[in-house]
PDB file of N, CA and C in Angstrom:
ATOM      1  N   UNK A   1     300.649  45.275  66.373  1.00  0.00           N
ATOM      2  CA  UNK A   1     299.509  45.302  66.247  1.00  0.00           C
ATOM      3  C   UNK A   1     298.799  43.566  66.610  1.00  0.00           C
ATOM      4  N   UNK A   2     298.237  43.637  67.554  1.00  0.00           N
ATOM      5  CA  UNK A   2     297.660  42.529  68.232  1.00  0.00           C
ATOM      6  C   UNK A   2     296.907  41.663  67.271  1.00  0.00           C
ATOM      7  N   UNK A   3     296.308  42.283  66.368  1.00  0.00           N
ATOM      8  CA  UNK A   3     294.743  41.594  65.620  1.00  0.00           C
ATOM      9  C   UNK A   3     295.421  40.400  64.934  1.00  0.00           C
ATOM     10  N   UNK A   4     294.379  39.518  64.987  1.00  0.00           N
ATOM     11  CA  UNK A   4     294.435  38.195  64.208  1.00  0.00           C
ATOM     12  C   UNK A   4     293.331  37.954  63.483  1.00  0.00           C
ATOM     13  N   UNK A   5     293.775  37.947  62.016  1.00  0.00           N
ATOM     14  CA  UNK A   5     292.367  37.790  61.257  1.00  0.00           C
ATOM     15  C   UNK A   5     292.072  36.481  61.270  1.00  0.00           C
ATOM     16  N   UNK A   6     292.658  35.368  61.916  1.00  0.00           N
ATOM     17  CA  UNK A   6     292.237  33.997  61.800  1.00  0.00           C
ATOM     18  C   UNK A   6     291.449  33.704  62.890  1.00  0.00           C
ATOM     19  N   UNK A   7     290.432  34.498  63.325  1.00  0.00           N
ATOM     20  CA  UNK A   7     289.570  33.979  64.406  1.00  0.00           C
ATOM     21  C   UNK A   7     289.759  34.698  65.750  1.00  0.00           C
ATOM     22  N   UNK A   8     290.897  35.505  66.190  1.00  0.00           N
ATOM     23  CA  UNK A   8     291.283  36.224  66.987  1.00  0.00           C
ATOM     24  C   UNK A   8     290.756  37.474  67.510  1.00  0.00           C
ATOM     25  N   UNK A   9     290.657  38.031  68.507  1.00  0.00           N
ATOM     26  CA  UNK A   9     289.952  39.193  68.845  1.00  0.00           C
ATOM     27  C   UNK A   9     290.802  40.303  68.308  1.00  0.00           C
ATOM     28  N   UNK A  10     289.808  41.470  67.737  1.00  0.00           N
ATOM     29  CA  UNK A  10     290.718  42.545  67.178  1.00  0.00           C
ATOM     30  C   UNK A  10     290.639  43.425  68.414  1.00  0.00           C
ATOM     31  N   UNK A  11     291.853  44.337  68.397  1.00  0.00           N
ATOM     32  CA  UNK A  11     291.684  45.470  69.371  1.00  0.00           C
ATOM     33  C   UNK A  11     290.490  46.155  69.128  1.00  0.00           C
ATOM     34  N   UNK A  12     290.279  47.240  70.193  1.00  0.00           N
ATOM     35  CA  UNK A  12     289.139  47.964  69.850  1.00  0.00           C
ATOM     36  C   UNK A  12     289.355  49.119  68.899  1.00  0.00           C
ATOM     37  N   UNK A  13     290.593  49.661  68.888  1.00  0.00           N
ATOM     38  CA  UNK A  13     290.960  50.592  68.017  1.00  0.00           C
ATOM     39  C   UNK A  13     290.938  49.985  66.388  1.00  0.00           C
ATOM     40  N   UNK A  14     291.377  48.953  66.046  1.00  0.00           N
ATOM     41  CA  UNK A  14     291.383  48.342  64.781  1.00  0.00           C
ATOM     42  C   UNK A  14     289.686  48.019  64.553  1.00  0.00           C
ATOM     43  N   UNK A  15     288.977  47.309  65.639  1.00  0.00           N
ATOM     44  CA  UNK A  15     287.707  47.373  65.229  1.00  0.00           C
ATOM     45  C   UNK A  15     286.676  48.660  64.796  1.00  0.00           C
ATOM     46  N   UNK A  16     287.068  50.061  65.584  1.00  0.00           N
ATOM     47  CA  UNK A  16     286.424  51.102  65.156  1.00  0.00           C
ATOM     48  C   UNK A  16     286.876  51.595  64.280  1.00  0.00           C
ATOM     49  N   UNK A  17     288.226  51.504  63.793  1.00  0.00           N
ATOM     50  CA  UNK A  17     288.692  52.315  62.532  1.00  0.00           C
ATOM     51  C   UNK A  17     288.162  51.312  61.197  1.00  0.00           C
ATOM     52  N   UNK A  18     288.015  49.921  61.409  1.00  0.00           N
ATOM     53  CA  UNK A  18     287.301  49.387  60.347  1.00  0.00           C
ATOM     54  C   UNK A  18     285.779  49.881  60.253  1.00  0.00           C
ATOM     55  N   UNK A  19     285.010  49.991  61.154  1.00  0.00           N
ATOM     56  CA  UNK A  19     283.602  50.412  61.384  1.00  0.00           C
ATOM     57  C   UNK A  19     283.713  51.902  60.514  1.00  0.00           C
ATOM     58  N   UNK A  20     284.515  52.801  60.797  1.00  0.00           N
ATOM     59  CA  UNK A  20     284.692  54.303  60.601  1.00  0.00           C
ATOM     60  C   UNK A  20     284.670  54.335  58.845  1.00  0.00           C
ATOM     61  N   UNK A  21     285.579  53.323  58.241  1.00  0.00           N
ATOM     62  CA  UNK A  21     285.917  53.124  56.936  1.00  0.00           C
ATOM     63  C   UNK A  21     284.746  52.362  56.325  1.00  0.00           C
ATOM     64  N   UNK A  22     283.723  52.242  56.856  1.00  0.00           N
ATOM     65  CA  UNK A  22     282.582  51.696  56.063  1.00  0.00           C
ATOM     66  C   UNK A  22     282.000  52.790  54.894  1.00  0.00           C
ATOM     67  N   UNK A  23     282.489  53.857  55.106  1.00  0.00           N
ATOM     68  CA  UNK A  23     282.312  55.088  54.410  1.00  0.00           C
ATOM     69  C   UNK A  23     283.477  55.683  54.039  1.00  0.00           C
ATOM     70  N   UNK A  24     284.173  56.143  52.933  1.00  0.00           N
ATOM     71  CA  UNK A  24     285.654  56.984  52.770  1.00  0.00           C
ATOM     72  C   UNK A  24     285.667  57.889  53.383  1.00  0.00           C
ATOM     73  N   UNK A  25     286.809  57.947  54.284  1.00  0.00           N
ATOM     74  CA  UNK A  25     287.329  59.003  55.539  1.00  0.00           C
ATOM     75  C   UNK A  25     288.714  59.087  55.410  1.00  0.00           C
ATOM     76  N   UNK A  26     289.034  60.167  55.658  1.00  0.00           N
ATOM     77  CA  UNK A  26     290.430  60.831  55.939  1.00  0.00           C
ATOM     78  C   UNK A  26     290.634  60.542  57.465  1.00  0.00           C
ATOM     79  N   UNK A  27     291.864  60.593  57.881  1.00  0.00           N
ATOM     80  CA  UNK A  27     292.374  60.301  59.196  1.00  0.00           C
ATOM     81  C   UNK A  27     291.635  61.238  60.243  1.00  0.00           C
ATOM     82  N   UNK A  28     291.728  62.439  60.140  1.00  0.00           N
ATOM     83  CA  UNK A  28     290.829  63.241  61.265  1.00  0.00           C
ATOM     84  C   UNK A  28     289.377  62.803  61.285  1.00  0.00           C
ATOM     85  N   UNK A  29     288.691  62.546  60.188  1.00  0.00           N
ATOM     86  CA  UNK A  29     287.288  62.129  60.160  1.00  0.00           C
ATOM     87  C   UNK A  29     287.111  61.026  60.864  1.00  0.00           C
ATOM     88  N   UNK A  30     288.202  60.301  60.797  1.00  0.00           N
ATOM     89  CA  UNK A  30     287.902  58.699  61.305  1.00  0.00           C
ATOM     90  C   UNK A  30     288.107  59.073  62.954  1.00  0.00           C
ATOM     91  N   UNK A  31     289.148  59.789  63.237  1.00  0.00           N
ATOM     92  CA  UNK A  31     289.464  60.237  64.855  1.00  0.00           C
ATOM     93  C   UNK A  31     287.950  60.902  65.432  1.00  0.00           C
ATOM     94  N   UNK A  32     287.543  61.484  64.708  1.00  0.00           N
ATOM     95  CA  UNK A  32     286.021  62.208  65.009  1.00  0.00           C
ATOM     96  C   UNK A  32     284.910  61.126  65.310  1.00  0.00           C
ATOM     97  N   UNK A  33     285.016  59.995  64.258  1.00  0.00           N
ATOM     98  CA  UNK A  33     283.900  59.300  64.145  1.00  0.00           C
ATOM     99  C   UNK A  33     284.113  58.400  65.455  1.00  0.00           C
ATOM    100  N   UNK A  34     285.169  57.932  65.718  1.00  0.00           N
ATOM    101  CA  UNK A  34     285.471  57.136  66.717  1.00  0.00           C
ATOM    102  C   UNK A  34     285.093  57.733  68.007  1.00  0.00           C
ATOM    103  N   UNK A  35     285.547  59.064  68.334  1.00  0.00           N
ATOM    104  CA  UNK A  35     285.462  59.809  69.545  1.00  0.00           C
ATOM    105  C   UNK A  35     283.901  59.936  69.568  1.00  0.00           C
ATOM    106  N   UNK A  36     282.992  60.366  68.599  1.00  0.00           N
ATOM    107  CA  UNK A  36     281.734  60.345  68.531  1.00  0.00           C
ATOM    108  C   UNK A  36     280.847  59.067  69.137  1.00  0.00           C
ATOM    109  N   UNK A  37     281.408  57.992  68.406  1.00  0.00           N
ATOM    110  CA  UNK A  37     280.558  56.555  68.411  1.00  0.00           C
ATOM    111  C   UNK A  37     280.921  56.035  69.758  1.00  0.00           C
ATOM    112  N   UNK A  38     281.938  56.541  70.485  1.00  0.00           N
ATOM    113  CA  UNK A  38     282.496  55.935  71.963  1.00  0.00           C
ATOM    114  C   UNK A  38     282.205  56.809  72.792  1.00  0.00           C
ATOM    115  N   UNK A  39     281.337  58.113  72.623  1.00  0.00           N
ATOM    116  CA  UNK A  39     281.051  58.983  73.553  1.00  0.00           C
ATOM    117  C   UNK A  39     282.313  59.691  74.412  1.00  0.00           C
ATOM    118  N   UNK A  40     283.482  59.652  73.438  1.00  0.00           N
ATOM    119  CA  UNK A  40     284.856  60.282  73.991  1.00  0.00           C
ATOM    120  C   UNK A  40     285.767  59.362  74.970  1.00  0.00           C
ATOM    121  N   UNK A  41     284.967  58.169  75.064  1.00  0.00           N
ATOM    122  CA  UNK A  41     285.690  57.044  75.955  1.00  0.00           C
ATOM    123  C   UNK A  41     286.767  56.445  75.075  1.00  0.00           C
ATOM    124  N   UNK A  42     286.992  56.674  73.764  1.00  0.00           N
ATOM    125  CA  UNK A  42     288.351  56.294  72.899  1.00  0.00           C
ATOM    126  C   UNK A  42     288.546  57.341  72.199  1.00  0.00           C
ATOM    127  N   UNK A  43     289.626  57.891  72.782  1.00  0.00           N
ATOM    128  CA  UNK A  43     290.257  58.961  72.084  1.00  0.00           C
ATOM    129  C   UNK A  43     291.598  58.741  71.175  1.00  0.00           C
ATOM    130  N   UNK A  44     291.651  58.742  69.966  1.00  0.00           N
ATOM    131  CA  UNK A  44     293.228  58.511  69.430  1.00  0.00           C
ATOM    132  C   UNK A  44     293.897  59.519  69.128  1.00  0.00           C
ATOM    133  N   UNK A  45     295.204  59.543  69.321  1.00  0.00           N
ATOM    134  CA  UNK A  45     296.119  60.422  68.697  1.00  0.00           C
ATOM    135  C   UNK A  45     296.368  60.255  67.376  1.00  0.00           C
ATOM    136  N   UNK A  46     297.423  61.285  66.695  1.00  0.00           N
ATOM    137  CA  UNK A  46     297.445  60.894  65.115  1.00  0.00           C
ATOM    138  C   UNK A  46     298.403  59.702  65.138  1.00  0.00           C
ATOM    139  N   UNK A  47     299.411  59.541  65.748  1.00  0.00           N
ATOM    140  CA  UNK A  47     300.357  58.332  65.787  1.00  0.00           C
ATOM    141  C   UNK A  47     299.559  57.189  66.060  1.00  0.00           C
ATOM    142  N   UNK A  48     298.889  56.901  66.903  1.00  0.00           N
ATOM    143  CA  UNK A  48     297.983  55.695  66.955  1.00  0.00           C
ATOM    144  C   UNK A  48     297.105  55.272  65.841  1.00  0.00           C
ATOM    145  N   UNK A  49     296.520  56.156  65.231  1.00  0.00           N
ATOM    146  CA  UNK A  49     295.613  56.036  64.157  1.00  0.00           C
ATOM    147  C   UNK A  49     296.393  55.841  62.827  1.00  0.00           C
ATOM    148  N   UNK A  50     297.347  56.639  62.653  1.00  0.00           N
ATOM    149  CA  UNK A  50     297.969  56.265  61.461  1.00  0.00           C
ATOM    150  C   UNK A  50     298.823  55.101  61.492  1.00  0.00           C
ATOM    151  N   UNK A  51     299.478  54.622  62.772  1.00  0.00           N
ATOM    152  CA  UNK A  51     300.052  53.477  62.648  1.00  0.00           C
ATOM    153  C   UNK A  51     299.102  52.253  62.437  1.00  0.00           C
ATOM    154  N   UNK A  52     297.775  52.431  62.939  1.00  0.00           N
ATOM    155  CA  UNK A  52     296.493  51.377  62.708  1.00  0.00           C
ATOM    156  C   UNK A  52     296.535  51.413  61.338  1.00  0.00           C
ATOM    157  N   UNK A  53     296.246  52.489  60.432  1.00  0.00           N
ATOM    158  CA  UNK A  53     295.847  52.386  59.122  1.00  0.00           C
ATOM    159  C   UNK A  53     297.088  52.001  58.482  1.00  0.00           C
ATOM    160  N   UNK A  54     298.250  52.329  58.895  1.00  0.00           N
ATOM    161  CA  UNK A  54     299.133  51.601  58.122  1.00  0.00           C
ATOM    162  C   UNK A  54     299.314  50.073  57.882  1.00  0.00           C
ATOM    163  N   UNK A  55     298.931  49.370  59.284  1.00  0.00           N
ATOM    164  CA  UNK A  55     298.868  48.130  59.405  1.00  0.00           C
ATOM    165  C   UNK A  55     297.811  47.421  58.770  1.00  0.00           C
ATOM    166  N   UNK A  56     296.645  48.375  58.830  1.00  0.00           N
ATOM    167  CA  UNK A  56     295.498  47.865  58.189  1.00  0.00           C
ATOM    168  C   UNK A  56     295.625  47.448  56.816  1.00  0.00           C
ATOM    169  N   UNK A  57     296.188  48.906  56.030  1.00  0.00           N
ATOM    170  CA  UNK A  57     296.446  48.740  55.060  1.00  0.00           C
ATOM    171  C   UNK A  57     297.334  47.655  54.360  1.00  0.00           C
ATOM    172  N   UNK A  58     298.327  47.396  55.210  1.00  0.00           N
ATOM    173  CA  UNK A  58     299.396  46.227  55.007  1.00  0.00           C
ATOM    174  C   UNK A  58     298.544  44.844  54.896  1.00  0.00           C
ATOM    175  N   UNK A  59     297.534  44.597  55.716  1.00  0.00           N
ATOM    176  CA  UNK A  59     296.810  43.299  55.729  1.00  0.00           C
ATOM    177  C   UNK A  59     295.975  43.293  54.665  1.00  0.00           C
ATOM    178  N   UNK A  60     295.497  44.643  54.132  1.00  0.00           N
ATOM    179  CA  UNK A  60     294.728  44.354  52.755  1.00  0.00           C
ATOM    180  C   UNK A  60     293.211  44.551  53.475  1.00  0.00           C
ATOM    181  N   UNK A  61     292.989  44.973  54.632  1.00  0.00           N
ATOM    182  CA  UNK A  61     291.564  45.380  55.236  1.00  0.00           C
ATOM    183  C   UNK A  61     290.973  46.817  54.973  1.00  0.00           C
ATOM    184  N   UNK A  62     291.917  47.473  54.490  1.00  0.00           N
ATOM    185  CA  UNK A  62     291.666  48.974  54.068  1.00  0.00           C
ATOM    186  C   UNK A  62     292.380  49.263  52.864  1.00  0.00           C
ATOM    187  N   UNK A  63     292.003  50.474  52.304  1.00  0.00           N
ATOM    188  CA  UNK A  63     292.760  50.871  51.039  1.00  0.00           C
ATOM    189  C   UNK A  63     292.469  52.274  50.659  1.00  0.00           C
ATOM    190  N   UNK A  64     293.486  53.010  49.881  1.00  0.00           N
ATOM    191  CA  UNK A  64     293.422  54.393  49.758  1.00  0.00           C
ATOM    192  C   UNK A  64     292.458  54.489  48.862  1.00  0.00           C
ATOM    193  N   UNK A  65     291.561  55.579  48.722  1.00  0.00           N
ATOM    194  CA  UNK A  65     290.435  55.719  47.693  1.00  0.00           C
ATOM    195  C   UNK A  65     290.923  57.361  47.569  1.00  0.00           C
ATOM    196  N   UNK A  66     292.165  57.448  47.299  1.00  0.00           N
ATOM    197  CA  UNK A  66     292.253  59.109  46.494  1.00  0.00           C
ATOM    198  C   UNK A  66     292.309  60.029  47.359  1.00  0.00           C
ATOM    199  N   UNK A  67     292.132  61.346  46.978  1.00  0.00           N
ATOM    200  CA  UNK A  67     292.107  62.325  48.009  1.00  0.00           C
ATOM    201  C   UNK A  67     290.823  62.782  48.097  1.00  0.00           C
ATOM    202  N   UNK A  68     290.401  63.784  49.355  1.00  0.00           N
ATOM    203  CA  UNK A  68     289.305  64.559  49.218  1.00  0.00           C
ATOM    204  C   UNK A  68     289.675  65.813  48.652  1.00  0.00           C
ATOM    205  N   UNK A  69     288.575  66.578  48.503  1.00  0.00           N
ATOM    206  CA  UNK A  69     288.576  67.935  47.883  1.00  0.00           C
ATOM    207  C   UNK A  69     289.531  68.967  48.585  1.00  0.00           C
ATOM    208  N   UNK A  70     290.218  68.800  49.892  1.00  0.00           N
ATOM    209  CA  UNK A  70     291.092  69.418  50.375  1.00  0.00           C
ATOM    210  C   UNK A  70     292.275  68.811  50.539  1.00  0.00           C
ATOM    211  N   UNK A  71     292.628  67.749  49.872  1.00  0.00           N
ATOM    212  CA  UNK A  71     293.864  66.896  49.448  1.00  0.00           C
ATOM    213  C   UNK A  71     294.130  66.095  50.338  1.00  0.00           C
ATOM    214  N   UNK A  72     293.293  65.619  51.403  1.00  0.00           N
ATOM    215  CA  UNK A  72     293.429  64.609  52.359  1.00  0.00           C
ATOM    216  C   UNK A  72     293.108  63.296  51.880  1.00  0.00           C
ATOM    217  N   UNK A  73     294.252  62.305  52.093  1.00  0.00           N
ATOM    218  CA  UNK A  73     294.250  61.122  51.910  1.00  0.00           C
ATOM    219  C   UNK A  73     292.904  60.276  52.220  1.00  0.00           C
ATOM    220  N   UNK A  74     292.071  59.560  51.535  1.00  0.00           N
ATOM    221  CA  UNK A  74     291.096  59.158  52.180  1.00  0.00           C
ATOM    222  C   UNK A  74     291.239  57.392  52.016  1.00  0.00           C
ATOM    223  N   UNK A  75     290.609  56.804  53.159  1.00  0.00           N
ATOM    224  CA  UNK A  75     290.583  55.266  52.994  1.00  0.00           C
ATOM    225  C   UNK A  75     289.243  54.806  53.081  1.00  0.00           C
ATOM    226  N   UNK A  76     289.074  53.425  52.694  1.00  0.00           N
ATOM    227  CA  UNK A  76     287.779  52.694  52.816  1.00  0.00           C
ATOM    228  C   UNK A  76     288.259  51.209  52.970  1.00  0.00           C
ATOM    229  N   UNK A  77     287.104  50.669  53.664  1.00  0.00           N
ATOM    230  CA  UNK A  77     287.265  49.347  54.172  1.00  0.00           C
ATOM    231  C   UNK A  77     287.219  48.459  53.005  1.00  0.00           C
ATOM    232  N   UNK A  78     287.976  47.114  52.878  1.00  0.00           N
ATOM    233  CA  UNK A  78     288.039  46.489  51.594  1.00  0.00           C
ATOM    234  C   UNK A  78     287.098  45.436  51.824  1.00  0.00           C
ATOM    235  N   UNK A  79     286.700  44.386  50.879  1.00  0.00           N
ATOM    236  CA  UNK A  79     285.917  43.127  51.235  1.00  0.00           C
ATOM    237  C   UNK A  79     286.434  42.459  52.308  1.00  0.00           C
ATOM    238  N   UNK A  80     287.992  42.389  52.479  1.00  0.00           N
ATOM    239  CA  UNK A  80     288.502  41.562  53.313  1.00  0.00           C
ATOM    240  C   UNK A  80     288.284  42.247  54.792  1.00  0.00           C
ATOM    241  N   UNK A  81     288.460  43.416  54.941  1.00  0.00           N
ATOM    242  CA  UNK A  81     288.268  44.088  55.840  1.00  0.00           C
ATOM    243  C   UNK A  81     286.724  43.980  56.532  1.00  0.00           C
ATOM    244  N   UNK A  82     285.578  43.900  55.553  1.00  0.00           N
ATOM    245  CA  UNK A  82     284.340  43.668  55.845  1.00  0.00           C
ATOM    246  C   UNK A  82     284.133  42.105  56.621  1.00  0.00           C
ATOM    247  N   UNK A  83     284.794  41.400  56.010  1.00  0.00           N
ATOM    248  CA  UNK A  83     284.520  40.029  56.570  1.00  0.00           C
ATOM    249  C   UNK A  83     285.240  39.909  57.906  1.00  0.00           C
ATOM    250  N   UNK A  84     286.418  40.562  58.275  1.00  0.00           N
ATOM    251  CA  UNK A  84     287.288  40.724  59.474  1.00  0.00           C
ATOM    252  C   UNK A  84     286.147  41.266  60.466  1.00  0.00           C
ATOM    253  N   UNK A  85     285.623  42.596  60.094  1.00  0.00           N
ATOM    254  CA  UNK A  85     284.627  43.132  60.890  1.00  0.00           C
ATOM    255  C   UNK A  85     283.400  42.311  61.108  1.00  0.00           C
ATOM    256  N   UNK A  86     282.698  41.650  60.452  1.00  0.00           N
ATOM    257  CA  UNK A  86     281.746  40.843  60.570  1.00  0.00           C
ATOM    258  C   UNK A  86     282.099  39.868  61.462  1.00  0.00           C
ATOM    259  N   UNK A  87     283.218  39.198  61.374  1.00  0.00           N
ATOM    260  CA  UNK A  87     283.625  38.152  62.345  1.00  0.00           C
ATOM    261  C   UNK A  87     283.870  38.635  63.746  1.00  0.00           C
ATOM    262  N   UNK A  88     284.290  39.805  63.789  1.00  0.00           N
ATOM    263  CA  UNK A  88     284.452  40.299  65.132  1.00  0.00           C
ATOM    264  C   UNK A  88     283.149  40.589  65.915  1.00  0.00           C
ATOM    265  N   UNK A  89     282.421  41.033  65.036  1.00  0.00           N
ATOM    266  CA  UNK A  89     280.998  41.313  65.359  1.00  0.00           C
ATOM    267  C   UNK A  89     280.299  40.185  66.006  1.00  0.00           C
ATOM    268  N   UNK A  90     280.462  39.013  65.233  1.00  0.00           N
ATOM    269  CA  UNK A  90     280.021  37.805  65.748  1.00  0.00           C
ATOM    270  C   UNK A  90     280.634  37.361  67.053  1.00  0.00           C
ATOM    271  N   UNK A  91     281.858  37.372  67.140  1.00  0.00           N
ATOM    272  CA  UNK A  91     282.614  37.050  68.399  1.00  0.00           C
ATOM    273  C   UNK A  91     282.203  37.989  69.390  1.00  0.00           C
ATOM    274  N   UNK A  92     282.084  39.299  69.307  1.00  0.00           N
ATOM    275  CA  UNK A  92     281.479  39.963  70.493  1.00  0.00           C
ATOM    276  C   UNK A  92     279.910  39.756  70.856  1.00  0.00           C
ATOM    277  N   UNK A  93     279.226  39.275  69.885  1.00  0.00           N
ATOM    278  CA  UNK A  93     277.769  38.875  70.014  1.00  0.00           C
ATOM    279  C   UNK A  93     277.921  37.360  71.025  1.00  0.00           C
ATOM    280  N   UNK A  94     278.791  36.779  70.783  1.00  0.00           N
ATOM    281  CA  UNK A  94     278.684  35.378  71.351  1.00  0.00           C
ATOM    282  C   UNK A  94     279.346  35.720  72.743  1.00  0.00           C
ATOM    283  N   UNK A  95     280.144  36.735  72.789  1.00  0.00           N
ATOM    284  CA  UNK A  95     280.754  36.959  73.953  1.00  0.00           C
ATOM    285  C   UNK A  95     279.649  37.297  75.166  1.00  0.00           C
ATOM    286  N   UNK A  96     279.213  38.444  74.542  1.00  0.00           N
ATOM    287  CA  UNK A  96     278.018  39.226  75.253  1.00  0.00           C
ATOM    288  C   UNK A  96     276.784  38.368  75.738  1.00  0.00           C
ATOM    289  N   UNK A  97     276.300  37.444  74.970  1.00  0.00           N
ATOM    290  CA  UNK A  97     275.451  36.589  74.893  1.00  0.00           C
ATOM    291  C   UNK A  97     275.968  35.461  76.400  1.00  0.00           C
ATOM    292  N   UNK A  98     276.992  34.923  76.206  1.00  0.00           N
ATOM    293  CA  UNK A  98     277.342  34.038  77.350  1.00  0.00           C
ATOM    294  C   UNK A  98     277.565  35.017  78.523  1.00  0.00           C
ATOM    295  N   UNK A  99     278.024  36.168  78.429  1.00  0.00           N
ATOM    296  CA  UNK A  99     278.033  36.990  79.767  1.00  0.00           C
ATOM    297  C   UNK A  99     276.846  37.188  80.275  1.00  0.00           C
ATOM    298  N   UNK A 100     275.984  37.671  79.379  1.00  0.00           N
ATOM    299  CA  UNK A 100     274.589  37.677  79.881  1.00  0.00           C
ATOM    300  C   UNK A 100     273.905  36.586  80.460  1.00  0.00           C
ATOM    301  N   UNK A 101     274.144  35.449  79.952  1.00  0.00           N
ATOM    302  CA  UNK A 101     273.573  34.209  80.314  1.00  0.00           C
ATOM    303  C   UNK A 101     274.019  33.949  81.845  1.00  0.00           C
ATOM    304  N   UNK A 102     275.153  34.023  82.003  1.00  0.00           N
ATOM    305  CA  UNK A 102     275.911  33.975  83.237  1.00  0.00           C
ATOM    306  C   UNK A 102     275.556  34.916  84.175  1.00  0.00           C
ATOM    307  N   UNK A 103     275.536  36.133  83.992  1.00  0.00           N
ATOM    308  CA  UNK A 103     275.257  37.166  84.831  1.00  0.00           C
ATOM    309  C   UNK A 103     273.670  37.280  85.274  1.00  0.00           C
ATOM    310  N   UNK A 104     272.959  36.992  84.218  1.00  0.00           N
ATOM    311  CA  UNK A 104     271.556  37.068  84.311  1.00  0.00           C
ATOM    312  C   UNK A 104     270.835  35.946  85.215  1.00  0.00           C
ATOM    313  N   UNK A 105     271.652  35.002  85.129  1.00  0.00           N
ATOM    314  CA  UNK A 105     271.426  33.558  85.873  1.00  0.00           C
ATOM    315  C   UNK A 105     271.709  33.699  87.288  1.00  0.00           C
ATOM    316  N   UNK A 106     272.456  34.807  87.651  1.00  0.00           N
ATOM    317  CA  UNK A 106     272.795  34.733  89.118  1.00  0.00           C
ATOM    318  C   UNK A 106     271.432  35.128  89.983  1.00  0.00           C
ATOM    319  N   UNK A 107     271.419  34.649  91.132  1.00  0.00           N
ATOM    320  CA  UNK A 107     270.522  34.887  92.308  1.00  0.00           C
ATOM    321  C   UNK A 107     270.714  35.738  93.181  1.00  0.00           C
ATOM    322  N   UNK A 108     270.308  36.766  93.538  1.00  0.00           N
ATOM    323  CA  UNK A 108     270.376  37.754  94.602  1.00  0.00           C
ATOM    324  C   UNK A 108     270.912  37.032  95.859  1.00  0.00           C
TER     325      UNK A 108
END
């Protein structure tokens, strides 16, 4: 996984997984959340999702939160994960502000 918690850009998958886990969710619910929030543009397979979940859990950005009523493992974002997501949001805002200033400043 190319994600860099020291100020570099997150992958889109990582960012959306972190967003999805602001509420406890199991894997399939995370996939549905991401599909819904991206209008179907980003569709994750189980292998991609669970690879991301494993990596994020190892980094301490998400944690297991027991099982749901139907015995599915649930995950939730940690304080460290929230900090990383907030940093990425700030980076994306800076990026779009710069792009808008450049594109908006073009003369026809």
